Amino acid sequence: MKYWTMIRKEVGSRYDFERRYSGTEIRRLRLENHPEQRTLSFAILTAGCVKLEAVLYRNEEGLTVGYDLFVKEKPGDLEWICYDSLSDPVELNDRKMENVMCKILDHYVRESGLSYTENQFESLPGKVPKRK
């Protein structure tokens, strides 16, 4: 099943998939394990109000890969809010990467009660600094 067609149908032009680094490049970076290498987003799937990033990051074991899920508070907002880090296995096969990310994103959106097209969050009032 091509999950990207299903999501694209739902969000239309608000769908975007960007691969910044190939799976081969990410495998090479993991093997080289440079100590200065920190977090690197190598594939980004945006579908309306949710975004899934495949990231290379450093932990106790060295460089590893994972997913970070972002949401928008309001559909028109420019800023993304980090919502969760997912432990699903990351697909490094370039031909499968987009569809696998769509499958993971769609599953998480449906299981968590999120939405591609509208705000699913209660706005919480923040503190506004007082002027002196």
Protein backbone atom coordinates (compact mmCIF):
# COMPACT_ATOMS: atom_id res chain seq x y z
CA MET A 1 0.00 0.00 0.00
CA LYS A 2 1.30 3.46 -0.87
CA TYR A 3 0.64 5.46 2.28
CA TRP A 4 1.91 8.69 0.71
CA THR A 5 -0.97 8.72 -1.80
CA MET A 6 -3.51 8.39 1.00
CA ILE A 7 -1.97 11.20 3.05
CA ARG A 8 -1.41 13.41 0.00
CA LYS A 9 -5.09 13.03 -0.90
CA GLU A 10 -6.05 14.21 2.59
CA VAL A 11 -3.71 17.23 2.83
CA GLY A 12 -3.20 18.19 -0.83
CA SER A 13 -0.53 20.82 -1.38
CA ARG A 14 0.39 20.78 2.32
CA TYR A 15 2.25 17.50 1.72
CA ASP A 16 6.02 17.57 1.27
CA PHE A 17 8.79 15.00 1.49
CA GLU A 18 12.39 16.14 1.53
CA ARG A 19 15.40 13.84 1.72
CA ARG A 20 18.50 15.83 2.66
CA TYR A 21 20.91 12.88 2.88
CA SER A 22 20.75 9.42 1.35
CA GLY A 23 20.61 6.26 3.41
CA THR A 24 24.15 5.48 2.25
CA GLU A 25 25.40 8.84 3.56
CA ILE A 26 23.71 8.27 6.94
CA ARG A 27 25.19 4.75 7.26
CA ARG A 28 28.64 6.22 6.48
CA LEU A 29 28.23 8.97 9.11
CA ARG A 30 27.21 6.38 11.71
CA LEU A 31 30.26 4.25 10.95
CA GLU A 32 32.63 7.23 11.05
CA ASN A 33 31.06 8.34 14.37
CA HIS A 34 32.73 11.77 14.48
CA PRO A 35 32.51 13.14 18.04
CA GLU A 36 31.52 16.62 16.78
CA GLN A 37 28.50 15.21 14.92
CA ARG A 38 25.34 15.98 16.87
CA THR A 39 21.77 16.03 15.56
CA LEU A 40 21.07 15.97 11.83
CA SER A 41 17.63 15.79 10.17
CA PHE A 42 18.09 13.71 7.03
CA ALA A 43 14.49 13.23 5.85
CA ILE A 44 11.45 15.40 6.54
CA LEU A 45 7.83 14.46 5.88
CA THR A 46 5.36 17.32 6.31
CA ALA A 47 1.64 16.59 6.13
CA GLY A 48 -0.51 19.54 7.08
CA CYS A 49 -0.25 20.15 10.83
CA VAL A 50 2.15 17.28 11.56
CA LYS A 51 5.75 16.66 10.57
CA LEU A 52 7.97 13.61 10.97
CA GLU A 53 11.74 14.02 10.82
CA ALA A 54 14.19 11.15 10.47
CA VAL A 55 17.18 12.22 12.54
CA LEU A 56 20.71 11.12 13.22
CA TYR A 57 21.60 11.91 16.82
CA ARG A 58 24.20 11.12 19.44
CA ASN A 59 23.42 9.04 22.50
CA GLU A 60 25.48 6.93 24.93
CA GLU A 61 26.05 4.28 22.24
CA GLY A 62 27.29 6.70 19.56
CA LEU A 63 25.36 7.91 16.54
CA THR A 64 21.94 6.39 16.05
CA VAL A 65 18.80 7.14 14.04
CA GLY A 66 15.25 7.85 15.12
CA TYR A 67 12.17 9.93 14.41
CA ASP A 68 10.97 13.19 15.92
CA LEU A 69 7.32 14.18 15.57
CA PHE A 70 6.33 17.84 15.40
CA VAL A 71 2.92 19.52 15.44
CA LYS A 72 1.55 23.00 14.87
CA GLU A 73 -0.56 24.67 17.52
CA LYS A 74 -2.68 26.23 14.76
CA PRO A 75 -2.71 25.15 11.10
CA GLY A 76 -1.43 28.52 9.85
CA ASP A 77 1.45 28.80 12.35
CA LEU A 78 5.00 28.89 11.05
CA GLU A 79 6.51 27.38 14.20
CA TRP A 80 6.61 23.65 14.92
CA ILE A 81 6.36 22.17 18.41
CA CYS A 82 8.29 19.00 19.21
CA TYR A 83 5.60 16.53 20.24
CA ASP A 84 7.33 13.16 20.62
CA SER A 85 10.36 11.06 19.74
CA LEU A 86 9.45 7.72 18.23
CA SER A 87 11.32 4.45 18.63
CA ASP A 88 10.15 2.91 15.32
CA PRO A 89 12.98 1.47 13.20
CA VAL A 90 14.25 3.98 10.64
CA GLU A 91 14.23 2.93 6.99
CA LEU A 92 17.48 3.88 5.26
CA ASN A 93 16.55 2.36 1.89
CA ASP A 94 16.05 5.44 -0.28
CA ARG A 95 13.28 3.84 -2.37
CA LYS A 96 11.22 2.88 0.68
CA MET A 97 11.98 5.79 3.02
CA GLU A 98 9.05 8.06 2.08
CA ASN A 99 6.41 5.32 2.20
CA VAL A 100 7.71 3.93 5.52
CA MET A 101 7.71 7.40 7.06
CA CYS A 102 4.14 7.94 5.82
CA LYS A 103 3.05 4.63 7.35
CA ILE A 104 4.63 5.50 10.71
CA LEU A 105 3.19 9.02 10.67
CA ASP A 106 -0.30 7.86 9.70
CA HIS A 107 -0.33 5.19 12.41
CA TYR A 108 0.82 7.65 15.06
CA VAL A 109 -1.64 10.37 13.98
CA ARG A 110 -4.57 7.96 14.14
CA GLU A 111 -3.51 6.27 17.40
CA SER A 112 -2.86 9.59 19.16
CA GLY A 113 -5.99 11.41 18.02
CA LEU A 114 -3.97 14.00 16.08
CA SER A 115 -5.11 15.58 12.82
CA TYR A 116 -3.41 16.48 9.57
CA THR A 117 -5.73 19.41 8.97
CA GLU A 118 -6.75 21.02 12.25
CA ASN A 119 -5.61 21.95 15.71
CA GLN A 120 -6.18 19.16 18.23
CA PHE A 121 -4.75 21.00 21.22
CA GLU A 122 -6.18 23.14 23.92
CA SER A 123 -4.30 26.43 23.94
CA LEU A 124 -2.65 27.10 27.25
CA PRO A 125 -2.06 30.68 28.27
CA GLY A 126 1.61 31.51 28.57
CA LYS A 127 3.22 34.03 30.79
CA VAL A 128 3.77 37.41 29.25
CA PRO A 129 6.75 39.35 30.60
CA LYS A 130 5.83 42.54 32.39
CA ARG A 131 7.41 45.76 31.21
CA LYS A 132 9.24 47.79 33.78
